[in-house]
């Protein structure tokens, strides 16, 4: 079941309406974006983990269309698919924005239509679905 604590989110990237069979990589990621597990003296400010690509989803899943995300959020999604995780030790804002986008684009409408929260939330991209396994920013967690 998808639950939200007080964590916002953000993201970016580009894909032609999620119809391509693969997501392009992130050639020059911003300095704050990493897949490294070491954040020195503290925990990550923000991170995103996604499932492996699935061909279909269950009925109880809220879906975010990749092409509706901001460019920064799309970039975070592409980086996560490419590296297994997207993380920042110093910049939570992009992950907070992504969280907000997911809430606005998928969760609210799912809850309104079904009168309950979805079991999980998926990003539809590259002809498949990537379940959000964990998304965190600051003290807010979505999983």
C-alpha atoms as a PDB file:
ATOM      1  CA  UNK A   1       0.000   0.000   0.000  1.00  0.00           C
ATOM      2  CA  UNK A   2       1.333   3.429  -0.869  1.00  0.00           C
ATOM      3  CA  UNK A   3       1.756   5.650   2.133  1.00  0.00           C
ATOM      4  CA  UNK A   4       3.001   9.161   2.483  1.00  0.00           C
ATOM      5  CA  UNK A   5       4.595  10.835   5.411  1.00  0.00           C
ATOM      6  CA  UNK A   6       5.526  14.481   5.194  1.00  0.00           C
ATOM      7  CA  UNK A   7       7.980  14.130   2.250  1.00  0.00           C
ATOM      8  CA  UNK A   8       7.739  16.249  -0.934  1.00  0.00           C
ATOM      9  CA  UNK A   9       9.238  15.282  -4.265  1.00  0.00           C
ATOM     10  CA  UNK A  10      10.587  16.566  -7.618  1.00  0.00           C
ATOM     11  CA  UNK A  11      11.828  15.239 -10.960  1.00  0.00           C
ATOM     12  CA  UNK A  12      12.811  15.849 -14.605  1.00  0.00           C
ATOM     13  CA  UNK A  13      13.844  14.301 -17.914  1.00  0.00           C
ATOM     14  CA  UNK A  14      12.582  13.755 -21.412  1.00  0.00           C
ATOM     15  CA  UNK A  15      10.929  10.972 -23.314  1.00  0.00           C
ATOM     16  CA  UNK A  16       8.454  11.171 -26.123  1.00  0.00           C
ATOM     17  CA  UNK A  17       5.220  10.465 -24.241  1.00  0.00           C
ATOM     18  CA  UNK A  18       6.638   7.338 -22.591  1.00  0.00           C
ATOM     19  CA  UNK A  19       6.393   5.453 -25.886  1.00  0.00           C
ATOM     20  CA  UNK A  20      10.082   4.698 -26.495  1.00  0.00           C
ATOM     21  CA  UNK A  21      11.257   1.233 -25.467  1.00  0.00           C
ATOM     22  CA  UNK A  22      14.038   2.643 -23.291  1.00  0.00           C
ATOM     23  CA  UNK A  23      14.875   5.792 -21.386  1.00  0.00           C
ATOM     24  CA  UNK A  24      17.889   7.792 -22.470  1.00  0.00           C
ATOM     25  CA  UNK A  25      20.699   8.059 -19.958  1.00  0.00           C
ATOM     26  CA  UNK A  26      21.735  11.152 -18.042  1.00  0.00           C
ATOM     27  CA  UNK A  27      25.027  12.258 -19.613  1.00  0.00           C
ATOM     28  CA  UNK A  28      25.938  15.129 -17.297  1.00  0.00           C
ATOM     29  CA  UNK A  29      24.032  14.760 -14.031  1.00  0.00           C
ATOM     30  CA  UNK A  30      24.062  17.731 -11.680  1.00  0.00           C
ATOM     31  CA  UNK A  31      26.717  17.644  -8.981  1.00  0.00           C
ATOM     32  CA  UNK A  32      24.127  16.972  -6.256  1.00  0.00           C
ATOM     33  CA  UNK A  33      22.838  13.762  -7.917  1.00  0.00           C
ATOM     34  CA  UNK A  34      24.596  10.474  -7.181  1.00  0.00           C
ATOM     35  CA  UNK A  35      24.073   6.731  -6.759  1.00  0.00           C
ATOM     36  CA  UNK A  36      26.836   6.584  -4.130  1.00  0.00           C
ATOM     37  CA  UNK A  37      25.783   5.151  -0.763  1.00  0.00           C
ATOM     38  CA  UNK A  38      28.132   7.344   1.279  1.00  0.00           C
ATOM     39  CA  UNK A  39      26.743  10.682   2.423  1.00  0.00           C
ATOM     40  CA  UNK A  40      29.575  11.314   4.826  1.00  0.00           C
ATOM     41  CA  UNK A  41      28.351  12.294   8.262  1.00  0.00           C
ATOM     42  CA  UNK A  42      24.621  11.961   7.633  1.00  0.00           C
ATOM     43  CA  UNK A  43      21.852  10.391   5.662  1.00  0.00           C
ATOM     44  CA  UNK A  44      20.741  11.310   2.167  1.00  0.00           C
ATOM     45  CA  UNK A  45      18.687  14.485   1.760  1.00  0.00           C
ATOM     46  CA  UNK A  46      16.638  12.823  -0.966  1.00  0.00           C
ATOM     47  CA  UNK A  47      16.492   9.575  -2.926  1.00  0.00           C
ATOM     48  CA  UNK A  48      14.413   7.491  -5.310  1.00  0.00           C
ATOM     49  CA  UNK A  49      14.334   3.710  -5.778  1.00  0.00           C
ATOM     50  CA  UNK A  50      12.245   2.142  -8.558  1.00  0.00           C
ATOM     51  CA  UNK A  51      11.375  -1.459  -9.370  1.00  0.00           C
ATOM     52  CA  UNK A  52      12.573  -3.163 -12.516  1.00  0.00           C
ATOM     53  CA  UNK A  53      10.500  -2.386 -15.596  1.00  0.00           C
ATOM     54  CA  UNK A  54       7.174  -4.252 -15.744  1.00  0.00           C
ATOM     55  CA  UNK A  55       5.035  -4.772 -18.833  1.00  0.00           C
ATOM     56  CA  UNK A  56       1.727  -4.333 -17.036  1.00  0.00           C
ATOM     57  CA  UNK A  57       0.278  -3.260 -13.709  1.00  0.00           C
ATOM     58  CA  UNK A  58      -2.516  -4.337 -11.416  1.00  0.00           C
ATOM     59  CA  UNK A  59      -5.795  -2.444 -11.149  1.00  0.00           C
ATOM     60  CA  UNK A  60      -4.907  -1.085  -7.687  1.00  0.00           C
ATOM     61  CA  UNK A  61      -1.950   1.015  -8.889  1.00  0.00           C
ATOM     62  CA  UNK A  62      -1.875   4.771  -9.390  1.00  0.00           C
ATOM     63  CA  UNK A  63       0.016   5.684 -12.562  1.00  0.00           C
ATOM     64  CA  UNK A  64       2.113   8.774 -13.260  1.00  0.00           C
ATOM     65  CA  UNK A  65       2.838   9.417 -16.939  1.00  0.00           C
ATOM     66  CA  UNK A  66       6.548  10.155 -17.368  1.00  0.00           C
ATOM     67  CA  UNK A  67       5.864  12.806 -20.002  1.00  0.00           C
ATOM     68  CA  UNK A  68       3.771  14.814 -17.520  1.00  0.00           C
ATOM     69  CA  UNK A  69       6.674  15.191 -15.077  1.00  0.00           C
ATOM     70  CA  UNK A  70       8.902  18.253 -15.119  1.00  0.00           C
ATOM     71  CA  UNK A  71      12.251  17.967 -16.863  1.00  0.00           C
ATOM     72  CA  UNK A  72      14.096  17.763 -13.546  1.00  0.00           C
ATOM     73  CA  UNK A  73      11.837  14.949 -12.315  1.00  0.00           C
ATOM     74  CA  UNK A  74      12.240  13.094 -15.597  1.00  0.00           C
ATOM     75  CA  UNK A  75      16.014  13.369 -15.196  1.00  0.00           C
ATOM     76  CA  UNK A  76      15.800  11.847 -11.707  1.00  0.00           C
ATOM     77  CA  UNK A  77      13.684   8.961 -13.053  1.00  0.00           C
ATOM     78  CA  UNK A  78      16.120   8.329 -15.938  1.00  0.00           C
ATOM     79  CA  UNK A  79      19.086   8.454 -13.560  1.00  0.00           C
ATOM     80  CA  UNK A  80      17.391   5.969 -11.227  1.00  0.00           C
ATOM     81  CA  UNK A  81      16.611   3.542 -14.062  1.00  0.00           C
ATOM     82  CA  UNK A  82      20.206   3.812 -15.307  1.00  0.00           C
ATOM     83  CA  UNK A  83      21.980   3.543 -11.920  1.00  0.00           C
ATOM     84  CA  UNK A  84      19.569   1.673  -9.648  1.00  0.00           C
ATOM     85  CA  UNK A  85      19.095   4.649  -7.321  1.00  0.00           C
ATOM     86  CA  UNK A  86      19.084   8.431  -7.474  1.00  0.00           C
ATOM     87  CA  UNK A  87      20.298  10.132  -4.349  1.00  0.00           C
ATOM     88  CA  UNK A  88      21.407  13.514  -3.074  1.00  0.00           C
ATOM     89  CA  UNK A  89      23.401  14.131   0.052  1.00  0.00           C
ATOM     90  CA  UNK A  90      22.853  17.884  -0.155  1.00  0.00           C
ATOM     91  CA  UNK A  91      19.755  18.834  -2.170  1.00  0.00           C
ATOM     92  CA  UNK A  92      16.317  17.613  -1.128  1.00  0.00           C
ATOM     93  CA  UNK A  93      14.321  20.089  -3.237  1.00  0.00           C
ATOM     94  CA  UNK A  94      14.206  18.069  -6.492  1.00  0.00           C
ATOM     95  CA  UNK A  95      12.949  15.017  -4.621  1.00  0.00           C
ATOM     96  CA  UNK A  96      10.383  17.087  -2.726  1.00  0.00           C
ATOM     97  CA  UNK A  97       9.119  18.471  -6.031  1.00  0.00           C
ATOM     98  CA  UNK A  98       8.871  14.962  -7.513  1.00  0.00           C
ATOM     99  CA  UNK A  99       6.801  13.871  -4.536  1.00  0.00           C
ATOM    100  CA  UNK A 100       4.447  16.796  -5.044  1.00  0.00           C
ATOM    101  CA  UNK A 101       4.156  16.021  -8.748  1.00  0.00           C
ATOM    102  CA  UNK A 102       3.257  12.397  -8.080  1.00  0.00           C
ATOM    103  CA  UNK A 103       0.631  13.471  -5.579  1.00  0.00           C
ATOM    104  CA  UNK A 104      -0.857  16.008  -8.009  1.00  0.00           C
ATOM    105  CA  UNK A 105      -0.677  13.843 -11.145  1.00  0.00           C
ATOM    106  CA  UNK A 106      -1.726  10.441  -9.794  1.00  0.00           C
ATOM    107  CA  UNK A 107      -2.488  10.016  -6.113  1.00  0.00           C
ATOM    108  CA  UNK A 108      -5.194  12.631  -5.670  1.00  0.00           C
ATOM    109  CA  UNK A 109      -7.192  11.485  -8.681  1.00  0.00           C
ATOM    110  CA  UNK A 110      -6.804   7.814  -7.708  1.00  0.00           C
ATOM    111  CA  UNK A 111      -8.081   8.509  -4.178  1.00  0.00           C
ATOM    112  CA  UNK A 112     -10.991  10.577  -5.505  1.00  0.00           C
ATOM    113  CA  UNK A 113     -11.995   7.884  -7.999  1.00  0.00           C
ATOM    114  CA  UNK A 114     -11.558   4.859  -5.710  1.00  0.00           C
ATOM    115  CA  UNK A 115     -12.129   6.364  -2.232  1.00  0.00           C
ATOM    116  CA  UNK A 116      -8.894   4.793  -0.957  1.00  0.00           C
ATOM    117  CA  UNK A 117      -5.169   4.971  -1.574  1.00  0.00           C
ATOM    118  CA  UNK A 118      -3.520   2.769  -4.218  1.00  0.00           C
ATOM    119  CA  UNK A 119      -1.468  -0.294  -3.271  1.00  0.00           C
ATOM    120  CA  UNK A 120       1.481   1.315  -5.011  1.00  0.00           C
ATOM    121  CA  UNK A 121       2.324   4.025  -7.511  1.00  0.00           C
ATOM    122  CA  UNK A 122       4.033   3.440 -10.847  1.00  0.00           C
ATOM    123  CA  UNK A 123       5.734   5.664 -13.376  1.00  0.00           C
ATOM    124  CA  UNK A 124       4.750   4.783 -16.950  1.00  0.00           C
ATOM    125  CA  UNK A 125       7.798   5.271 -19.157  1.00  0.00           C
ATOM    126  CA  UNK A 126       9.584   3.610 -22.061  1.00  0.00           C
ATOM    127  CA  UNK A 127       6.666   1.289 -22.790  1.00  0.00           C
ATOM    128  CA  UNK A 128       6.591  -0.125 -19.253  1.00  0.00           C
ATOM    129  CA  UNK A 129       5.917   0.616 -15.607  1.00  0.00           C
ATOM    130  CA  UNK A 130       8.368   1.327 -12.799  1.00  0.00           C
ATOM    131  CA  UNK A 131       6.892   0.958  -9.305  1.00  0.00           C
ATOM    132  CA  UNK A 132       8.101   3.535  -6.801  1.00  0.00           C
ATOM    133  CA  UNK A 133       9.722   1.410  -4.118  1.00  0.00           C
ATOM    134  CA  UNK A 134      10.906   4.345  -2.028  1.00  0.00           C
ATOM    135  CA  UNK A 135      11.012   8.095  -2.488  1.00  0.00           C
ATOM    136  CA  UNK A 136      12.320  10.321   0.279  1.00  0.00           C
ATOM    137  CA  UNK A 137      13.224  13.940   0.821  1.00  0.00           C
ATOM    138  CA  UNK A 138      14.243  15.421   4.125  1.00  0.00           C
ATOM    139  CA  UNK A 139      11.909  13.812   6.691  1.00  0.00           C
ATOM    140  CA  UNK A 140       9.206  12.811   4.206  1.00  0.00           C
ATOM    141  CA  UNK A 141       8.986   9.258   2.873  1.00  0.00           C
ATOM    142  CA  UNK A 142       6.797   7.759   0.157  1.00  0.00           C
ATOM    143  CA  UNK A 143       6.804   3.980  -0.175  1.00  0.00           C
END
